[in-house]
N, C-alpha and C. Protein backbone atom coordinates (compact mmCIF):
# COMPACT_ATOMS: atom_id res chain seq x y z
N MET A 1 0.85 -1.17 0.00
CA MET A 1 0.00 0.00 0.00
C MET A 1 0.89 1.23 0.00
N THR A 2 0.47 2.20 -0.76
CA THR A 2 1.25 3.42 -0.87
C THR A 2 0.38 4.62 -0.51
N PHE A 3 0.87 5.43 0.42
CA PHE A 3 0.18 6.66 0.80
C PHE A 3 1.13 7.83 0.55
N LEU A 4 0.62 8.86 -0.10
CA LEU A 4 1.38 10.09 -0.32
C LEU A 4 0.86 11.12 0.68
N VAL A 5 1.74 11.56 1.58
CA VAL A 5 1.35 12.52 2.62
C VAL A 5 1.96 13.86 2.28
N ARG A 6 1.11 14.88 2.24
CA ARG A 6 1.57 16.25 2.00
C ARG A 6 1.26 17.07 3.24
N VAL A 7 2.31 17.49 3.92
CA VAL A 7 2.14 18.35 5.09
C VAL A 7 2.13 19.78 4.58
N LEU A 8 1.00 20.45 4.76
CA LEU A 8 0.86 21.82 4.27
C LEU A 8 1.19 22.85 5.34
N PHE A 9 0.86 22.52 6.59
CA PHE A 9 1.07 23.45 7.69
C PHE A 9 1.51 22.69 8.93
N ARG A 10 2.22 23.40 9.80
CA ARG A 10 2.53 22.89 11.15
C ARG A 10 2.01 23.93 12.12
N ARG A 11 0.84 23.66 12.66
CA ARG A 11 0.23 24.59 13.62
C ARG A 11 -0.23 23.82 14.84
N ASN A 12 -0.28 24.50 15.95
CA ASN A 12 -0.74 23.88 17.21
C ASN A 12 0.06 22.62 17.53
N ASP A 13 1.34 22.65 17.24
CA ASP A 13 2.25 21.53 17.53
C ASP A 13 1.88 20.24 16.82
N THR A 14 1.24 20.32 15.66
CA THR A 14 0.91 19.12 14.89
C THR A 14 0.86 19.46 13.41
N TRP A 15 0.60 18.47 12.58
CA TRP A 15 0.59 18.63 11.13
C TRP A 15 -0.83 18.78 10.61
N GLN A 16 -0.97 19.55 9.53
CA GLN A 16 -2.20 19.61 8.75
C GLN A 16 -1.81 19.42 7.29
N GLY A 17 -2.63 18.68 6.54
CA GLY A 17 -2.31 18.46 5.14
C GLY A 17 -3.26 17.50 4.48
N THR A 18 -2.75 16.79 3.46
CA THR A 18 -3.57 15.83 2.72
C THR A 18 -2.84 14.49 2.65
N VAL A 19 -3.63 13.43 2.53
CA VAL A 19 -3.09 12.09 2.34
C VAL A 19 -3.81 11.49 1.15
N CYS A 20 -3.05 10.86 0.26
CA CYS A 20 -3.61 10.23 -0.93
C CYS A 20 -3.26 8.75 -0.92
N TRP A 21 -4.27 7.90 -1.04
CA TRP A 21 -4.08 6.45 -1.13
C TRP A 21 -3.93 6.15 -2.61
N LYS A 22 -2.70 5.91 -3.04
CA LYS A 22 -2.37 5.81 -4.46
C LYS A 22 -3.13 4.70 -5.18
N GLU A 23 -3.26 3.53 -4.59
CA GLU A 23 -3.90 2.40 -5.26
C GLU A 23 -5.39 2.64 -5.51
N LYS A 24 -6.05 3.36 -4.63
CA LYS A 24 -7.49 3.62 -4.75
C LYS A 24 -7.80 4.98 -5.36
N GLY A 25 -6.80 5.86 -5.38
CA GLY A 25 -7.03 7.21 -5.89
C GLY A 25 -7.84 8.08 -4.95
N GLU A 26 -7.95 7.68 -3.69
CA GLU A 26 -8.70 8.45 -2.70
C GLU A 26 -7.80 9.48 -2.04
N GLN A 27 -8.37 10.65 -1.76
CA GLN A 27 -7.61 11.71 -1.10
C GLN A 27 -8.46 12.32 0.00
N ALA A 28 -7.82 12.69 1.09
CA ALA A 28 -8.53 13.29 2.22
C ALA A 28 -7.60 14.28 2.93
N SER A 29 -8.21 15.24 3.57
CA SER A 29 -7.45 16.21 4.37
C SER A 29 -7.43 15.75 5.82
N PHE A 30 -6.36 16.09 6.52
CA PHE A 30 -6.26 15.78 7.95
C PHE A 30 -5.87 17.04 8.70
N ARG A 31 -6.34 17.12 9.95
CA ARG A 31 -6.10 18.30 10.78
C ARG A 31 -5.07 18.08 11.87
N SER A 32 -4.66 16.82 12.05
CA SER A 32 -3.66 16.52 13.07
C SER A 32 -2.95 15.23 12.70
N PHE A 33 -1.79 15.00 13.30
CA PHE A 33 -1.05 13.77 13.04
C PHE A 33 -1.86 12.56 13.49
N LEU A 34 -2.57 12.69 14.61
CA LEU A 34 -3.41 11.59 15.09
C LEU A 34 -4.51 11.26 14.08
N GLU A 35 -5.13 12.28 13.52
CA GLU A 35 -6.17 12.05 12.51
C GLU A 35 -5.58 11.36 11.28
N LEU A 36 -4.37 11.73 10.88
CA LEU A 36 -3.68 11.07 9.77
C LEU A 36 -3.48 9.59 10.07
N LEU A 37 -3.00 9.27 11.27
CA LEU A 37 -2.79 7.87 11.64
C LEU A 37 -4.09 7.09 11.63
N ILE A 38 -5.16 7.68 12.11
CA ILE A 38 -6.46 7.01 12.11
C ILE A 38 -6.92 6.74 10.68
N MET A 39 -6.73 7.70 9.78
CA MET A 39 -7.13 7.52 8.38
C MET A 39 -6.36 6.38 7.72
N VAL A 40 -5.05 6.36 7.92
CA VAL A 40 -4.22 5.32 7.31
C VAL A 40 -4.58 3.96 7.90
N ASP A 41 -4.76 3.89 9.21
CA ASP A 41 -5.16 2.64 9.85
C ASP A 41 -6.49 2.14 9.30
N SER A 42 -7.43 3.02 9.14
CA SER A 42 -8.75 2.65 8.61
C SER A 42 -8.63 2.12 7.18
N ALA A 43 -7.81 2.76 6.35
CA ALA A 43 -7.63 2.31 4.97
C ALA A 43 -6.99 0.93 4.93
N VAL A 44 -6.01 0.70 5.79
CA VAL A 44 -5.35 -0.61 5.83
C VAL A 44 -6.33 -1.68 6.27
N ARG A 45 -7.15 -1.38 7.27
CA ARG A 45 -8.14 -2.35 7.75
C ARG A 45 -9.19 -2.65 6.67
N ARG A 46 -9.63 -1.61 5.94
CA ARG A 46 -10.62 -1.82 4.87
C ARG A 46 -10.05 -2.70 3.77
N ALA A 47 -8.75 -2.61 3.54
CA ALA A 47 -8.11 -3.40 2.49
C ALA A 47 -7.90 -4.84 2.93
N GLY A 48 -8.14 -5.14 4.19
CA GLY A 48 -8.05 -6.51 4.68
C GLY A 48 -6.65 -6.96 5.04
N PHE A 49 -5.74 -6.02 5.25
CA PHE A 49 -4.39 -6.39 5.64
C PHE A 49 -4.37 -6.75 7.12
N GLN A 50 -3.57 -7.74 7.46
CA GLN A 50 -3.41 -8.14 8.85
C GLN A 50 -1.95 -8.02 9.23
N ARG A 51 -1.71 -7.69 10.46
CA ARG A 51 -0.34 -7.54 10.94
C ARG A 51 0.22 -8.91 11.27
N GLU A 52 1.40 -9.18 10.73
CA GLU A 52 2.09 -10.44 11.01
C GLU A 52 3.53 -10.12 11.38
N SER A 53 4.06 -10.79 12.36
CA SER A 53 5.45 -10.61 12.74
C SER A 53 6.29 -11.74 12.19
N GLY A 54 7.41 -11.36 11.57
CA GLY A 54 8.33 -12.35 11.06
C GLY A 54 9.25 -12.85 12.16
N ALA A 55 10.13 -13.76 11.82
CA ALA A 55 11.04 -14.36 12.80
C ALA A 55 11.96 -13.31 13.44
N SER A 56 12.36 -12.31 12.66
CA SER A 56 13.29 -11.32 13.20
C SER A 56 12.56 -10.12 13.80
N GLY A 57 11.21 -10.21 13.90
CA GLY A 57 10.46 -9.14 14.53
C GLY A 57 9.94 -8.08 13.58
N GLU A 58 10.28 -8.16 12.29
CA GLU A 58 9.78 -7.16 11.35
C GLU A 58 8.29 -7.39 11.12
N VAL A 59 7.59 -6.33 10.80
CA VAL A 59 6.16 -6.41 10.54
C VAL A 59 5.95 -6.47 9.05
N THR A 60 5.17 -7.44 8.61
CA THR A 60 4.87 -7.58 7.19
C THR A 60 3.37 -7.54 7.00
N ALA A 61 2.95 -7.19 5.80
CA ALA A 61 1.51 -7.15 5.50
C ALA A 61 1.24 -8.00 4.29
């Protein structure tokens, strides 16, 4: 999965900008870093990816 994040402003000690999910062509604005994380997490969950740990501890999808 590929996300393009554009940080347009840094205000109130956080980021504001846009995130684009390249594979789906979806774009959304975010008002904080936490909101960005929630958006990306939601997109990953909708795509059906599950978190798996490899032998060396790396996370793969």
